[in-house]
């Protein structure tokens, strides 16, 4: 599973490297701030995915412990569900 996280990291990095060139024709100088927002979004999403991939921090991704209670996460997602 960690190889998948590394592969996604490479994909996100290459996307963010190419994005300013692709966006320049549409946004002009505003492509710089658009890429900043894209970087903020994708970096946060990737960090969250790594945390959820290893909730017990076996690979020591973060220095400080991240308390993710899977039971609470499932209960909260089921509480908002109207189907079940």
C-alpha atoms as a PDB file:
ATOM      1  CA  UNK A   1       0.000   0.000   0.000  1.00  0.00           C
ATOM      2  CA  UNK A   2       2.881   2.401   0.619  1.00  0.00           C
ATOM      3  CA  UNK A   3       4.023   1.973  -2.986  1.00  0.00           C
ATOM      4  CA  UNK A   4       0.604   3.294  -4.012  1.00  0.00           C
ATOM      5  CA  UNK A   5       1.136   6.373  -1.845  1.00  0.00           C
ATOM      6  CA  UNK A   6       4.508   7.003  -3.492  1.00  0.00           C
ATOM      7  CA  UNK A   7       2.969   6.588  -6.948  1.00  0.00           C
ATOM      8  CA  UNK A   8       0.216   9.077  -6.087  1.00  0.00           C
ATOM      9  CA  UNK A   9       2.885  11.467  -4.750  1.00  0.00           C
ATOM     10  CA  UNK A  10       4.695  11.317  -8.099  1.00  0.00           C
ATOM     11  CA  UNK A  11       1.433  11.901  -9.986  1.00  0.00           C
ATOM     12  CA  UNK A  12       0.486  14.892  -7.827  1.00  0.00           C
ATOM     13  CA  UNK A  13       3.979  16.397  -8.130  1.00  0.00           C
ATOM     14  CA  UNK A  14       4.000  16.025 -11.908  1.00  0.00           C
ATOM     15  CA  UNK A  15       0.481  17.487 -12.145  1.00  0.00           C
ATOM     16  CA  UNK A  16       1.505  20.499 -10.077  1.00  0.00           C
ATOM     17  CA  UNK A  17       4.659  20.946 -12.134  1.00  0.00           C
ATOM     18  CA  UNK A  18       2.733  20.997 -15.427  1.00  0.00           C
ATOM     19  CA  UNK A  19      -0.297  22.975 -14.181  1.00  0.00           C
ATOM     20  CA  UNK A  20       1.153  26.520 -14.496  1.00  0.00           C
ATOM     21  CA  UNK A  21       1.997  25.981 -18.164  1.00  0.00           C
ATOM     22  CA  UNK A  22      -1.421  24.517 -18.902  1.00  0.00           C
ATOM     23  CA  UNK A  23      -3.309  27.238 -17.046  1.00  0.00           C
ATOM     24  CA  UNK A  24      -1.359  30.207 -18.419  1.00  0.00           C
ATOM     25  CA  UNK A  25      -3.278  30.383 -21.687  1.00  0.00           C
ATOM     26  CA  UNK A  26      -6.620  30.577 -19.833  1.00  0.00           C
ATOM     27  CA  UNK A  27      -5.760  32.568 -16.711  1.00  0.00           C
ATOM     28  CA  UNK A  28      -2.653  34.527 -17.610  1.00  0.00           C
ATOM     29  CA  UNK A  29      -0.823  35.873 -14.575  1.00  0.00           C
ATOM     30  CA  UNK A  30      -3.536  34.491 -12.285  1.00  0.00           C
ATOM     31  CA  UNK A  31      -2.269  30.994 -13.003  1.00  0.00           C
ATOM     32  CA  UNK A  32       0.357  31.551 -10.290  1.00  0.00           C
ATOM     33  CA  UNK A  33      -2.243  31.973  -7.569  1.00  0.00           C
ATOM     34  CA  UNK A  34      -4.365  29.167  -9.056  1.00  0.00           C
ATOM     35  CA  UNK A  35      -1.407  26.786  -8.839  1.00  0.00           C
ATOM     36  CA  UNK A  36      -0.847  27.909  -5.249  1.00  0.00           C
ATOM     37  CA  UNK A  37      -4.419  26.923  -4.402  1.00  0.00           C
ATOM     38  CA  UNK A  38      -4.048  23.637  -6.267  1.00  0.00           C
ATOM     39  CA  UNK A  39      -0.861  22.884  -4.352  1.00  0.00           C
ATOM     40  CA  UNK A  40      -2.506  23.642  -1.031  1.00  0.00           C
ATOM     41  CA  UNK A  41      -5.483  21.427  -1.860  1.00  0.00           C
ATOM     42  CA  UNK A  42      -3.571  18.465  -3.271  1.00  0.00           C
ATOM     43  CA  UNK A  43      -0.835  18.523  -0.618  1.00  0.00           C
ATOM     44  CA  UNK A  44      -3.453  18.495   2.140  1.00  0.00           C
ATOM     45  CA  UNK A  45      -5.442  15.759   0.435  1.00  0.00           C
ATOM     46  CA  UNK A  46      -2.319  13.648  -0.032  1.00  0.00           C
ATOM     47  CA  UNK A  47      -1.301  14.066   3.630  1.00  0.00           C
ATOM     48  CA  UNK A  48      -4.800  13.096   4.714  1.00  0.00           C
ATOM     49  CA  UNK A  49      -4.690  10.027   2.465  1.00  0.00           C
ATOM     50  CA  UNK A  50      -1.355   8.986   3.987  1.00  0.00           C
ATOM     51  CA  UNK A  51      -2.753   9.374   7.490  1.00  0.00           C
ATOM     52  CA  UNK A  52      -5.830   7.302   6.657  1.00  0.00           C
ATOM     53  CA  UNK A  53      -3.665   4.691   4.936  1.00  0.00           C
ATOM     54  CA  UNK A  54      -1.674   4.149   8.137  1.00  0.00           C
ATOM     55  CA  UNK A  55      -3.905   5.174  11.082  1.00  0.00           C
ATOM     56  CA  UNK A  56      -1.652   3.547  13.700  1.00  0.00           C
ATOM     57  CA  UNK A  57       1.437   5.406  12.420  1.00  0.00           C
ATOM     58  CA  UNK A  58       3.477   2.251  11.852  1.00  0.00           C
ATOM     59  CA  UNK A  59       5.549   3.926   9.146  1.00  0.00           C
ATOM     60  CA  UNK A  60       6.184   7.018  11.325  1.00  0.00           C
ATOM     61  CA  UNK A  61       4.825   9.468   8.770  1.00  0.00           C
ATOM     62  CA  UNK A  62       4.339  12.225  11.330  1.00  0.00           C
ATOM     63  CA  UNK A  63       6.412  13.192  14.344  1.00  0.00           C
ATOM     64  CA  UNK A  64       3.394  13.990  16.496  1.00  0.00           C
ATOM     65  CA  UNK A  65       0.728  11.328  16.916  1.00  0.00           C
ATOM     66  CA  UNK A  66      -2.464  11.779  14.951  1.00  0.00           C
ATOM     67  CA  UNK A  67      -5.472  10.491  16.843  1.00  0.00           C
ATOM     68  CA  UNK A  68      -7.817   8.959  14.313  1.00  0.00           C
ATOM     69  CA  UNK A  69     -10.578   6.946  15.934  1.00  0.00           C
ATOM     70  CA  UNK A  70     -11.938   4.757  13.153  1.00  0.00           C
ATOM     71  CA  UNK A  71     -15.034   3.850  15.188  1.00  0.00           C
ATOM     72  CA  UNK A  72     -16.035   7.489  15.523  1.00  0.00           C
ATOM     73  CA  UNK A  73     -15.364   8.059  11.832  1.00  0.00           C
ATOM     74  CA  UNK A  74     -17.665   5.178  10.880  1.00  0.00           C
ATOM     75  CA  UNK A  75     -20.383   6.239  13.348  1.00  0.00           C
ATOM     76  CA  UNK A  76     -20.352   9.811  12.081  1.00  0.00           C
ATOM     77  CA  UNK A  77     -20.524   8.723   8.454  1.00  0.00           C
ATOM     78  CA  UNK A  78     -23.399   6.348   9.259  1.00  0.00           C
ATOM     79  CA  UNK A  79     -25.220   9.037  11.243  1.00  0.00           C
ATOM     80  CA  UNK A  80     -25.436  11.223   8.147  1.00  0.00           C
ATOM     81  CA  UNK A  81     -26.576   8.348   5.968  1.00  0.00           C
ATOM     82  CA  UNK A  82     -30.268   8.199   5.230  1.00  0.00           C
ATOM     83  CA  UNK A  83     -30.166   4.930   3.315  1.00  0.00           C
ATOM     84  CA  UNK A  84     -29.004   2.631   6.108  1.00  0.00           C
END
